[in-house]
């Protein structure tokens, strides 16, 4: 089944700063086992609304004519891994991981 790039199944869950102490080992494992992905692949899986909200919070422009966009920032790294037993995608911005996890159907 194809995923919709507009609504992505992976929703923003937390960043590494907000991870509870008991989940730090899962965070470390997530980072150690991560595989790099392209921004294009990342966008195919994550919820675009959640990502747009984070990009605004991180002060990225929404268009290159208005300033630096996240897409143009070569310091941002995109990754795939698992977090607490669930597949995840995350990006690293200034040493902080922003984690998107797959939501289970209810």
PDB file of N, CA and C in Angstrom:
ATOM      1  N   UNK A   1       0.851  -1.174   0.000  1.00  0.00           N
ATOM      2  CA  UNK A   1       0.000   0.000   0.000  1.00  0.00           C
ATOM      3  C   UNK A   1       0.896   1.236   0.000  1.00  0.00           C
ATOM      4  N   UNK A   2       0.642   2.157  -0.899  1.00  0.00           N
ATOM      5  CA  UNK A   2       1.440   3.382  -1.000  1.00  0.00           C
ATOM      6  C   UNK A   2       1.075   4.350   0.111  1.00  0.00           C
ATOM      7  N   UNK A   3       2.074   5.091   0.541  1.00  0.00           N
ATOM      8  CA  UNK A   3       1.848   6.095   1.581  1.00  0.00           C
ATOM      9  C   UNK A   3       1.569   7.425   0.930  1.00  0.00           C
ATOM     10  N   UNK A   4       0.713   8.200   1.544  1.00  0.00           N
ATOM     11  CA  UNK A   4       0.421   9.528   1.035  1.00  0.00           C
ATOM     12  C   UNK A   4       1.487  10.498   1.508  1.00  0.00           C
ATOM     13  N   UNK A   5       2.124  11.176   0.565  1.00  0.00           N
ATOM     14  CA  UNK A   5       3.160  12.128   0.945  1.00  0.00           C
ATOM     15  C   UNK A   5       2.565  13.347   1.626  1.00  0.00           C
ATOM     16  N   UNK A   6       1.290  13.588   1.447  1.00  0.00           N
ATOM     17  CA  UNK A   6       0.669  14.767   2.054  1.00  0.00           C
ATOM     18  C   UNK A   6       0.380  14.553   3.531  1.00  0.00           C
ATOM     19  N   UNK A   7       0.089  13.333   3.927  1.00  0.00           N
ATOM     20  CA  UNK A   7      -0.323  13.110   5.306  1.00  0.00           C
ATOM     21  C   UNK A   7       0.599  12.208   6.095  1.00  0.00           C
ATOM     22  N   UNK A   8       1.602  11.605   5.509  1.00  0.00           N
ATOM     23  CA  UNK A   8       2.566  10.761   6.195  1.00  0.00           C
ATOM     24  C   UNK A   8       2.064  10.042   7.439  1.00  0.00           C
ATOM     25  N   UNK A   9       2.434   8.804   7.568  1.00  0.00           N
ATOM     26  CA  UNK A   9       2.002   8.006   8.710  1.00  0.00           C
ATOM     27  C   UNK A   9       2.815   8.275   9.962  1.00  0.00           C
ATOM     28  N   UNK A  10       3.949   8.888   9.825  1.00  0.00           N
ATOM     29  CA  UNK A  10       4.824   9.108  10.969  1.00  0.00           C
ATOM     30  C   UNK A  10       4.607  10.513  11.513  1.00  0.00           C
ATOM     31  N   UNK A  11       4.165  10.587  12.766  1.00  0.00           N
ATOM     32  CA  UNK A  11       3.840  11.863  13.397  1.00  0.00           C
ATOM     33  C   UNK A  11       4.934  12.242  14.392  1.00  0.00           C
ATOM     34  N   UNK A  12       5.114  13.543  14.575  1.00  0.00           N
ATOM     35  CA  UNK A  12       6.117  14.003  15.532  1.00  0.00           C
ATOM     36  C   UNK A  12       5.742  13.524  16.925  1.00  0.00           C
ATOM     37  N   UNK A  13       6.703  12.896  17.598  1.00  0.00           N
ATOM     38  CA  UNK A  13       6.472  12.410  18.960  1.00  0.00           C
ATOM     39  C   UNK A  13       7.206  13.260  19.996  1.00  0.00           C
ATOM     40  N   UNK A  14       8.492  13.462  19.780  1.00  0.00           N
ATOM     41  CA  UNK A  14       9.287  14.184  20.768  1.00  0.00           C
ATOM     42  C   UNK A  14      10.634  14.541  20.169  1.00  0.00           C
ATOM     43  N   UNK A  15      11.382  15.333  20.898  1.00  0.00           N
ATOM     44  CA  UNK A  15      12.790  15.518  20.548  1.00  0.00           C
ATOM     45  C   UNK A  15      13.612  14.871  21.653  1.00  0.00           C
ATOM     46  N   UNK A  16      14.904  14.747  21.429  1.00  0.00           N
ATOM     47  CA  UNK A  16      15.734  14.024  22.396  1.00  0.00           C
ATOM     48  C   UNK A  16      15.777  14.716  23.757  1.00  0.00           C
ATOM     49  N   UNK A  17      15.572  16.016  23.774  1.00  0.00           N
ATOM     50  CA  UNK A  17      15.581  16.755  25.038  1.00  0.00           C
ATOM     51  C   UNK A  17      14.372  16.381  25.896  1.00  0.00           C
ATOM     52  N   UNK A  18      13.254  16.056  25.253  1.00  0.00           N
ATOM     53  CA  UNK A  18      12.026  15.728  25.974  1.00  0.00           C
ATOM     54  C   UNK A  18      11.843  14.264  26.298  1.00  0.00           C
ATOM     55  N   UNK A  19      12.828  13.433  25.962  1.00  0.00           N
ATOM     56  CA  UNK A  19      12.712  12.002  26.233  1.00  0.00           C
ATOM     57  C   UNK A  19      12.845  11.748  27.727  1.00  0.00           C
ATOM     58  N   UNK A  20      11.871  11.044  28.328  1.00  0.00           N
ATOM     59  CA  UNK A  20      11.977  10.731  29.757  1.00  0.00           C
ATOM     60  C   UNK A  20      13.224   9.896  30.055  1.00  0.00           C
ATOM     61  N   UNK A  21      13.732  10.038  31.258  1.00  0.00           N
ATOM     62  CA  UNK A  21      14.964   9.366  31.658  1.00  0.00           C
ATOM     63  C   UNK A  21      14.922   7.862  31.390  1.00  0.00           C
ATOM     64  N   UNK A  22      13.793   7.224  31.619  1.00  0.00           N
ATOM     65  CA  UNK A  22      13.705   5.776  31.427  1.00  0.00           C
ATOM     66  C   UNK A  22      13.807   5.375  29.950  1.00  0.00           C
ATOM     67  N   UNK A  23      13.597   6.322  29.027  1.00  0.00           N
ATOM     68  CA  UNK A  23      13.679   6.017  27.593  1.00  0.00           C
ATOM     69  C   UNK A  23      15.015   6.396  26.957  1.00  0.00           C
ATOM     70  N   UNK A  24      15.960   6.892  27.758  1.00  0.00           N
ATOM     71  CA  UNK A  24      17.271   7.276  27.222  1.00  0.00           C
ATOM     72  C   UNK A  24      17.991   6.090  26.572  1.00  0.00           C
ATOM     73  N   UNK A  25      17.965   4.875  27.149  1.00  0.00           N
ATOM     74  CA  UNK A  25      18.613   3.752  26.454  1.00  0.00           C
ATOM     75  C   UNK A  25      18.008   3.496  25.064  1.00  0.00           C
ATOM     76  N   UNK A  26      16.691   3.644  24.920  1.00  0.00           N
ATOM     77  CA  UNK A  26      16.041   3.476  23.614  1.00  0.00           C
ATOM     78  C   UNK A  26      16.479   4.577  22.656  1.00  0.00           C
ATOM     79  N   UNK A  27      16.662   5.783  23.173  1.00  0.00           N
ATOM     80  CA  UNK A  27      17.136   6.900  22.353  1.00  0.00           C
ATOM     81  C   UNK A  27      18.554   6.629  21.841  1.00  0.00           C
ATOM     82  N   UNK A  28      19.412   6.173  22.731  1.00  0.00           N
ATOM     83  CA  UNK A  28      20.799   5.866  22.348  1.00  0.00           C
ATOM     84  C   UNK A  28      20.826   4.773  21.279  1.00  0.00           C
ATOM     85  N   UNK A  29      20.023   3.733  21.482  1.00  0.00           N
ATOM     86  CA  UNK A  29      19.946   2.640  20.508  1.00  0.00           C
ATOM     87  C   UNK A  29      19.432   3.162  19.167  1.00  0.00           C
ATOM     88  N   UNK A  30      18.432   4.028  19.197  1.00  0.00           N
ATOM     89  CA  UNK A  30      17.879   4.613  17.975  1.00  0.00           C
ATOM     90  C   UNK A  30      18.968   5.327  17.178  1.00  0.00           C
ATOM     91  N   UNK A  31      19.751   6.140  17.862  1.00  0.00           N
ATOM     92  CA  UNK A  31      20.809   6.913  17.205  1.00  0.00           C
ATOM     93  C   UNK A  31      21.904   5.986  16.667  1.00  0.00           C
ATOM     94  N   UNK A  32      22.318   5.016  17.477  1.00  0.00           N
ATOM     95  CA  UNK A  32      23.396   4.105  17.066  1.00  0.00           C
ATOM     96  C   UNK A  32      23.018   3.244  15.869  1.00  0.00           C
ATOM     97  N   UNK A  33      21.753   2.877  15.754  1.00  0.00           N
ATOM     98  CA  UNK A  33      21.312   1.976  14.686  1.00  0.00           C
ATOM     99  C   UNK A  33      20.717   2.713  13.486  1.00  0.00           C
ATOM    100  N   UNK A  34      20.741   4.016  13.500  1.00  0.00           N
ATOM    101  CA  UNK A  34      20.113   4.808  12.440  1.00  0.00           C
ATOM    102  C   UNK A  34      20.806   4.641  11.093  1.00  0.00           C
ATOM    103  N   UNK A  35      20.002   4.729  10.061  1.00  0.00           N
ATOM    104  CA  UNK A  35      20.460   4.679   8.682  1.00  0.00           C
ATOM    105  C   UNK A  35      20.087   6.014   8.045  1.00  0.00           C
ATOM    106  N   UNK A  36      21.012   6.615   7.324  1.00  0.00           N
ATOM    107  CA  UNK A  36      20.731   7.878   6.664  1.00  0.00           C
ATOM    108  C   UNK A  36      19.732   7.712   5.526  1.00  0.00           C
ATOM    109  N   UNK A  37      18.856   8.680   5.374  1.00  0.00           N
ATOM    110  CA  UNK A  37      17.911   8.722   4.258  1.00  0.00           C
ATOM    111  C   UNK A  37      17.951  10.127   3.650  1.00  0.00           C
ATOM    112  N   UNK A  38      17.450  10.247   2.465  1.00  0.00           N
ATOM    113  CA  UNK A  38      17.376  11.556   1.829  1.00  0.00           C
ATOM    114  C   UNK A  38      16.202  12.346   2.392  1.00  0.00           C
ATOM    115  N   UNK A  39      16.234  13.639   2.194  1.00  0.00           N
ATOM    116  CA  UNK A  39      15.088  14.464   2.596  1.00  0.00           C
ATOM    117  C   UNK A  39      13.840  14.000   1.850  1.00  0.00           C
ATOM    118  N   UNK A  40      13.990  13.649   0.596  1.00  0.00           N
ATOM    119  CA  UNK A  40      12.848  13.192  -0.195  1.00  0.00           C
ATOM    120  C   UNK A  40      12.194  11.962   0.446  1.00  0.00           C
ATOM    121  N   UNK A  41      13.013  10.989   0.842  1.00  0.00           N
ATOM    122  CA  UNK A  41      12.475   9.798   1.517  1.00  0.00           C
ATOM    123  C   UNK A  41      11.816  10.184   2.831  1.00  0.00           C
ATOM    124  N   UNK A  42      12.481  11.049   3.595  1.00  0.00           N
ATOM    125  CA  UNK A  42      11.937  11.518   4.867  1.00  0.00           C
ATOM    126  C   UNK A  42      10.547  12.121   4.657  1.00  0.00           C
ATOM    127  N   UNK A  43      10.417  12.969   3.631  1.00  0.00           N
ATOM    128  CA  UNK A  43       9.140  13.638   3.357  1.00  0.00           C
ATOM    129  C   UNK A  43       8.046  12.667   2.940  1.00  0.00           C
ATOM    130  N   UNK A  44       8.419  11.550   2.348  1.00  0.00           N
ATOM    131  CA  UNK A  44       7.425  10.546   1.948  1.00  0.00           C
ATOM    132  C   UNK A  44       6.771   9.871   3.148  1.00  0.00           C
ATOM    133  N   UNK A  45       7.413   9.950   4.290  1.00  0.00           N
ATOM    134  CA  UNK A  45       6.936   9.191   5.444  1.00  0.00           C
ATOM    135  C   UNK A  45       6.394  10.038   6.599  1.00  0.00           C
ATOM    136  N   UNK A  46       6.880  11.244   6.760  1.00  0.00           N
ATOM    137  CA  UNK A  46       6.451  12.035   7.913  1.00  0.00           C
ATOM    138  C   UNK A  46       5.259  12.923   7.584  1.00  0.00           C
ATOM    139  N   UNK A  47       4.525  13.256   8.611  1.00  0.00           N
ATOM    140  CA  UNK A  47       3.361  14.131   8.480  1.00  0.00           C
ATOM    141  C   UNK A  47       3.840  15.542   8.152  1.00  0.00           C
ATOM    142  N   UNK A  48       3.408  16.059   7.010  1.00  0.00           N
ATOM    143  CA  UNK A  48       3.897  17.358   6.537  1.00  0.00           C
ATOM    144  C   UNK A  48       3.492  18.504   7.463  1.00  0.00           C
ATOM    145  N   UNK A  49       2.319  18.432   8.050  1.00  0.00           N
ATOM    146  CA  UNK A  49       1.881  19.481   8.978  1.00  0.00           C
ATOM    147  C   UNK A  49       2.761  19.538  10.217  1.00  0.00           C
ATOM    148  N   UNK A  50       3.092  18.367  10.753  1.00  0.00           N
ATOM    149  CA  UNK A  50       3.981  18.317  11.917  1.00  0.00           C
ATOM    150  C   UNK A  50       5.352  18.887  11.570  1.00  0.00           C
ATOM    151  N   UNK A  51       5.855  18.512  10.394  1.00  0.00           N
ATOM    152  CA  UNK A  51       7.170  18.997   9.980  1.00  0.00           C
ATOM    153  C   UNK A  51       7.152  20.512   9.756  1.00  0.00           C
ATOM    154  N   UNK A  52       6.108  21.014   9.107  1.00  0.00           N
ATOM    155  CA  UNK A  52       6.009  22.461   8.859  1.00  0.00           C
ATOM    156  C   UNK A  52       5.993  23.242  10.171  1.00  0.00           C
ATOM    157  N   UNK A  53       5.302  22.718  11.173  1.00  0.00           N
ATOM    158  CA  UNK A  53       5.258  23.369  12.482  1.00  0.00           C
ATOM    159  C   UNK A  53       6.654  23.414  13.116  1.00  0.00           C
ATOM    160  N   UNK A  54       7.389  22.317  13.017  1.00  0.00           N
ATOM    161  CA  UNK A  54       8.757  22.285  13.550  1.00  0.00           C
ATOM    162  C   UNK A  54       9.668  23.240  12.787  1.00  0.00           C
ATOM    163  N   UNK A  55       9.535  23.269  11.467  1.00  0.00           N
ATOM    164  CA  UNK A  55      10.364  24.175  10.671  1.00  0.00           C
ATOM    165  C   UNK A  55      10.125  25.632  11.063  1.00  0.00           C
ATOM    166  N   UNK A  56       8.869  25.996  11.308  1.00  0.00           N
ATOM    167  CA  UNK A  56       8.571  27.358  11.776  1.00  0.00           C
ATOM    168  C   UNK A  56       9.195  27.614  13.141  1.00  0.00           C
ATOM    169  N   UNK A  57       9.080  26.643  14.046  1.00  0.00           N
ATOM    170  CA  UNK A  57       9.639  26.797  15.399  1.00  0.00           C
ATOM    171  C   UNK A  57      11.163  26.935  15.358  1.00  0.00           C
ATOM    172  N   UNK A  58      11.792  26.290  14.380  1.00  0.00           N
ATOM    173  CA  UNK A  58      13.245  26.362  14.235  1.00  0.00           C
ATOM    174  C   UNK A  58      13.678  27.571  13.398  1.00  0.00           C
ATOM    175  N   UNK A  59      12.706  28.421  13.058  1.00  0.00           N
ATOM    176  CA  UNK A  59      12.951  29.698  12.343  1.00  0.00           C
ATOM    177  C   UNK A  59      13.392  29.528  10.896  1.00  0.00           C
ATOM    178  N   UNK A  60      12.994  28.436  10.254  1.00  0.00           N
ATOM    179  CA  UNK A  60      13.275  28.281   8.832  1.00  0.00           C
ATOM    180  C   UNK A  60      12.219  29.037   8.035  1.00  0.00           C
ATOM    181  N   UNK A  61      12.628  29.556   6.888  1.00  0.00           N
ATOM    182  CA  UNK A  61      11.707  30.213   5.975  1.00  0.00           C
ATOM    183  C   UNK A  61      10.873  29.149   5.262  1.00  0.00           C
ATOM    184  N   UNK A  62       9.676  29.538   4.829  1.00  0.00           N
ATOM    185  CA  UNK A  62       8.823  28.598   4.108  1.00  0.00           C
ATOM    186  C   UNK A  62       9.071  28.640   2.595  1.00  0.00           C
ATOM    187  N   UNK A  63       9.950  29.542   2.160  1.00  0.00           N
ATOM    188  CA  UNK A  63      10.293  29.653   0.742  1.00  0.00           C
ATOM    189  C   UNK A  63      11.696  30.250   0.636  1.00  0.00           C
ATOM    190  N   UNK A  64      12.500  29.777  -0.312  1.00  0.00           N
ATOM    191  CA  UNK A  64      13.871  30.291  -0.437  1.00  0.00           C
ATOM    192  C   UNK A  64      13.957  31.814  -0.614  1.00  0.00           C
ATOM    193  N   UNK A  65      12.943  32.421  -1.196  1.00  0.00           N
ATOM    194  CA  UNK A  65      12.958  33.879  -1.379  1.00  0.00           C
ATOM    195  C   UNK A  65      12.844  34.616  -0.049  1.00  0.00           C
ATOM    196  N   UNK A  66      12.387  33.918   0.999  1.00  0.00           N
ATOM    197  CA  UNK A  66      12.204  34.540   2.306  1.00  0.00           C
ATOM    198  C   UNK A  66      13.341  34.230   3.278  1.00  0.00           C
ATOM    199  N   UNK A  67      14.335  33.444   2.835  1.00  0.00           N
ATOM    200  CA  UNK A  67      15.456  33.106   3.707  1.00  0.00           C
ATOM    201  C   UNK A  67      15.825  31.638   3.618  1.00  0.00           C
ATOM    202  N   UNK A  68      16.563  31.187   4.614  1.00  0.00           N
ATOM    203  CA  UNK A  68      17.048  29.796   4.663  1.00  0.00           C
ATOM    204  C   UNK A  68      15.896  28.835   4.935  1.00  0.00           C
ATOM    205  N   UNK A  69      15.760  27.846   4.070  1.00  0.00           N
ATOM    206  CA  UNK A  69      14.774  26.788   4.289  1.00  0.00           C
ATOM    207  C   UNK A  69      15.481  25.579   4.892  1.00  0.00           C
ATOM    208  N   UNK A  70      14.726  24.738   5.542  1.00  0.00           N
ATOM    209  CA  UNK A  70      15.317  23.528   6.095  1.00  0.00           C
ATOM    210  C   UNK A  70      15.860  22.645   4.971  1.00  0.00           C
ATOM    211  N   UNK A  71      15.174  22.610   3.848  1.00  0.00           N
ATOM    212  CA  UNK A  71      15.617  21.795   2.718  1.00  0.00           C
ATOM    213  C   UNK A  71      16.998  22.229   2.215  1.00  0.00           C
ATOM    214  N   UNK A  72      17.319  23.495   2.346  1.00  0.00           N
ATOM    215  CA  UNK A  72      18.605  24.011   1.867  1.00  0.00           C
ATOM    216  C   UNK A  72      19.713  23.931   2.917  1.00  0.00           C
ATOM    217  N   UNK A  73      19.360  23.593   4.142  1.00  0.00           N
ATOM    218  CA  UNK A  73      20.349  23.543   5.223  1.00  0.00           C
ATOM    219  C   UNK A  73      21.077  22.203   5.191  1.00  0.00           C
ATOM    220  N   UNK A  74      22.303  22.208   4.685  1.00  0.00           N
ATOM    221  CA  UNK A  74      23.044  20.958   4.556  1.00  0.00           C
ATOM    222  C   UNK A  74      23.549  20.421   5.892  1.00  0.00           C
ATOM    223  N   UNK A  75      23.331  21.143   6.972  1.00  0.00           N
ATOM    224  CA  UNK A  75      23.712  20.644   8.296  1.00  0.00           C
ATOM    225  C   UNK A  75      22.673  19.681   8.869  1.00  0.00           C
ATOM    226  N   UNK A  76      21.455  19.719   8.353  1.00  0.00           N
ATOM    227  CA  UNK A  76      20.378  18.845   8.838  1.00  0.00           C
ATOM    228  C   UNK A  76      20.564  17.461   8.231  1.00  0.00           C
ATOM    229  N   UNK A  77      20.510  16.445   9.098  1.00  0.00           N
ATOM    230  CA  UNK A  77      20.633  15.055   8.650  1.00  0.00           C
ATOM    231  C   UNK A  77      19.311  14.336   8.888  1.00  0.00           C
ATOM    232  N   UNK A  78      18.921  13.497   7.941  1.00  0.00           N
ATOM    233  CA  UNK A  78      17.672  12.737   8.016  1.00  0.00           C
ATOM    234  C   UNK A  78      18.010  11.269   8.212  1.00  0.00           C
ATOM    235  N   UNK A  79      17.263  10.593   9.103  1.00  0.00           N
ATOM    236  CA  UNK A  79      17.581   9.212   9.471  1.00  0.00           C
ATOM    237  C   UNK A  79      16.318   8.366   9.608  1.00  0.00           C
ATOM    238  N   UNK A  80      16.528   7.056   9.521  1.00  0.00           N
ATOM    239  CA  UNK A  80      15.486   6.058   9.792  1.00  0.00           C
ATOM    240  C   UNK A  80      16.041   5.114  10.841  1.00  0.00           C
ATOM    241  N   UNK A  81      15.184   4.698  11.782  1.00  0.00           N
ATOM    242  CA  UNK A  81      15.625   3.775  12.827  1.00  0.00           C
ATOM    243  C   UNK A  81      14.384   3.200  13.504  1.00  0.00           C
ATOM    244  N   UNK A  82      14.544   2.819  14.769  1.00  0.00           N
ATOM    245  CA  UNK A  82      13.391   2.431  15.589  1.00  0.00           C
ATOM    246  C   UNK A  82      13.581   3.052  16.968  1.00  0.00           C
ATOM    247  N   UNK A  83      12.452   3.372  17.581  1.00  0.00           N
ATOM    248  CA  UNK A  83      12.454   4.005  18.901  1.00  0.00           C
ATOM    249  C   UNK A  83      11.393   3.323  19.748  1.00  0.00           C
ATOM    250  N   UNK A  84      11.804   2.731  20.840  1.00  0.00           N
ATOM    251  CA  UNK A  84      10.909   1.996  21.740  1.00  0.00           C
ATOM    252  C   UNK A  84      10.105   0.940  20.991  1.00  0.00           C
ATOM    253  N   UNK A  85      10.801   0.228  20.086  1.00  0.00           N
ATOM    254  CA  UNK A  85      10.179  -0.880  19.374  1.00  0.00           C
ATOM    255  C   UNK A  85       9.337  -0.489  18.172  1.00  0.00           C
ATOM    256  N   UNK A  86       9.300   0.788  17.826  1.00  0.00           N
ATOM    257  CA  UNK A  86       8.518   1.239  16.669  1.00  0.00           C
ATOM    258  C   UNK A  86       9.429   1.893  15.642  1.00  0.00           C
ATOM    259  N   UNK A  87       9.170   1.643  14.381  1.00  0.00           N
ATOM    260  CA  UNK A  87       9.921   2.300  13.306  1.00  0.00           C
ATOM    261  C   UNK A  87       9.773   3.806  13.482  1.00  0.00           C
ATOM    262  N   UNK A  88      10.839   4.528  13.181  1.00  0.00           N
ATOM    263  CA  UNK A  88      10.792   5.982  13.268  1.00  0.00           C
ATOM    264  C   UNK A  88      11.650   6.618  12.191  1.00  0.00           C
ATOM    265  N   UNK A  89      11.353   7.865  11.933  1.00  0.00           N
ATOM    266  CA  UNK A  89      12.200   8.731  11.118  1.00  0.00           C
ATOM    267  C   UNK A  89      12.523   9.910  12.005  1.00  0.00           C
ATOM    268  N   UNK A  90      13.742  10.430  11.874  1.00  0.00           N
ATOM    269  CA  UNK A  90      14.081  11.605  12.661  1.00  0.00           C
ATOM    270  C   UNK A  90      15.071  12.452  11.899  1.00  0.00           C
ATOM    271  N   UNK A  91      15.144  13.705  12.298  1.00  0.00           N
ATOM    272  CA  UNK A  91      16.175  14.562  11.737  1.00  0.00           C
ATOM    273  C   UNK A  91      16.970  15.157  12.866  1.00  0.00           C
ATOM    274  N   UNK A  92      18.229  15.432  12.571  1.00  0.00           N
ATOM    275  CA  UNK A  92      19.153  16.012  13.538  1.00  0.00           C
ATOM    276  C   UNK A  92      19.389  17.463  13.134  1.00  0.00           C
ATOM    277  N   UNK A  93      19.071  18.359  14.040  1.00  0.00           N
ATOM    278  CA  UNK A  93      19.277  19.793  13.826  1.00  0.00           C
ATOM    279  C   UNK A  93      20.023  20.323  15.033  1.00  0.00           C
ATOM    280  N   UNK A  94      21.222  20.800  14.826  1.00  0.00           N
ATOM    281  CA  UNK A  94      22.044  21.352  15.908  1.00  0.00           C
ATOM    282  C   UNK A  94      22.210  20.378  17.070  1.00  0.00           C
ATOM    283  N   UNK A  95      22.395  19.109  16.746  1.00  0.00           N
ATOM    284  CA  UNK A  95      22.638  18.097  17.774  1.00  0.00           C
ATOM    285  C   UNK A  95      21.403  17.636  18.517  1.00  0.00           C
ATOM    286  N   UNK A  96      20.221  18.033  18.064  1.00  0.00           N
ATOM    287  CA  UNK A  96      18.968  17.595  18.689  1.00  0.00           C
ATOM    288  C   UNK A  96      18.217  16.746  17.677  1.00  0.00           C
ATOM    289  N   UNK A  97      17.786  15.567  18.105  1.00  0.00           N
ATOM    290  CA  UNK A  97      17.025  14.676  17.251  1.00  0.00           C
ATOM    291  C   UNK A  97      15.537  14.947  17.439  1.00  0.00           C
ATOM    292  N   UNK A  98      14.831  15.127  16.333  1.00  0.00           N
ATOM    293  CA  UNK A  98      13.376  15.340  16.322  1.00  0.00           C
ATOM    294  C   UNK A  98      12.762  14.071  15.748  1.00  0.00           C
ATOM    295  N   UNK A  99      11.988  13.355  16.571  1.00  0.00           N
ATOM    296  CA  UNK A  99      11.584  11.986  16.287  1.00  0.00           C
ATOM    297  C   UNK A  99      10.116  11.903  15.862  1.00  0.00           C
ATOM    298  N   UNK A 100       9.900  11.233  14.725  1.00  0.00           N
ATOM    299  CA  UNK A 100       8.568  10.968  14.199  1.00  0.00           C
ATOM    300  C   UNK A 100       8.352   9.459  14.265  1.00  0.00           C
ATOM    301  N   UNK A 101       7.265   9.018  14.899  1.00  0.00           N
ATOM    302  CA  UNK A 101       7.004   7.591  15.024  1.00  0.00           C
ATOM    303  C   UNK A 101       5.704   7.231  14.304  1.00  0.00           C
ATOM    304  N   UNK A 102       5.646   5.984  13.900  1.00  0.00           N
ATOM    305  CA  UNK A 102       4.456   5.484  13.199  1.00  0.00           C
ATOM    306  C   UNK A 102       3.330   5.269  14.201  1.00  0.00           C
ATOM    307  N   UNK A 103       2.180   5.757  13.847  1.00  0.00           N
ATOM    308  CA  UNK A 103       1.015   5.589  14.704  1.00  0.00           C
ATOM    309  C   UNK A 103       0.321   4.287  14.333  1.00  0.00           C
ATOM    310  N   UNK A 104      -0.044   3.545  15.338  1.00  0.00           N
ATOM    311  CA  UNK A 104      -0.758   2.296  15.114  1.00  0.00           C
ATOM    312  C   UNK A 104      -2.225   2.621  14.832  1.00  0.00           C
ATOM    313  N   UNK A 105      -2.813   1.845  13.930  1.00  0.00           N
ATOM    314  CA  UNK A 105      -4.238   2.033  13.614  1.00  0.00           C
ATOM    315  C   UNK A 105      -5.058   1.657  14.840  1.00  0.00           C
ATOM    316  N   UNK A 106      -6.077   2.475  15.121  1.00  0.00           N
ATOM    317  CA  UNK A 106      -6.917   2.176  16.280  1.00  0.00           C
ATOM    318  C   UNK A 106      -8.259   1.645  15.900  1.00  0.00           C
TER     319      UNK A 106
END
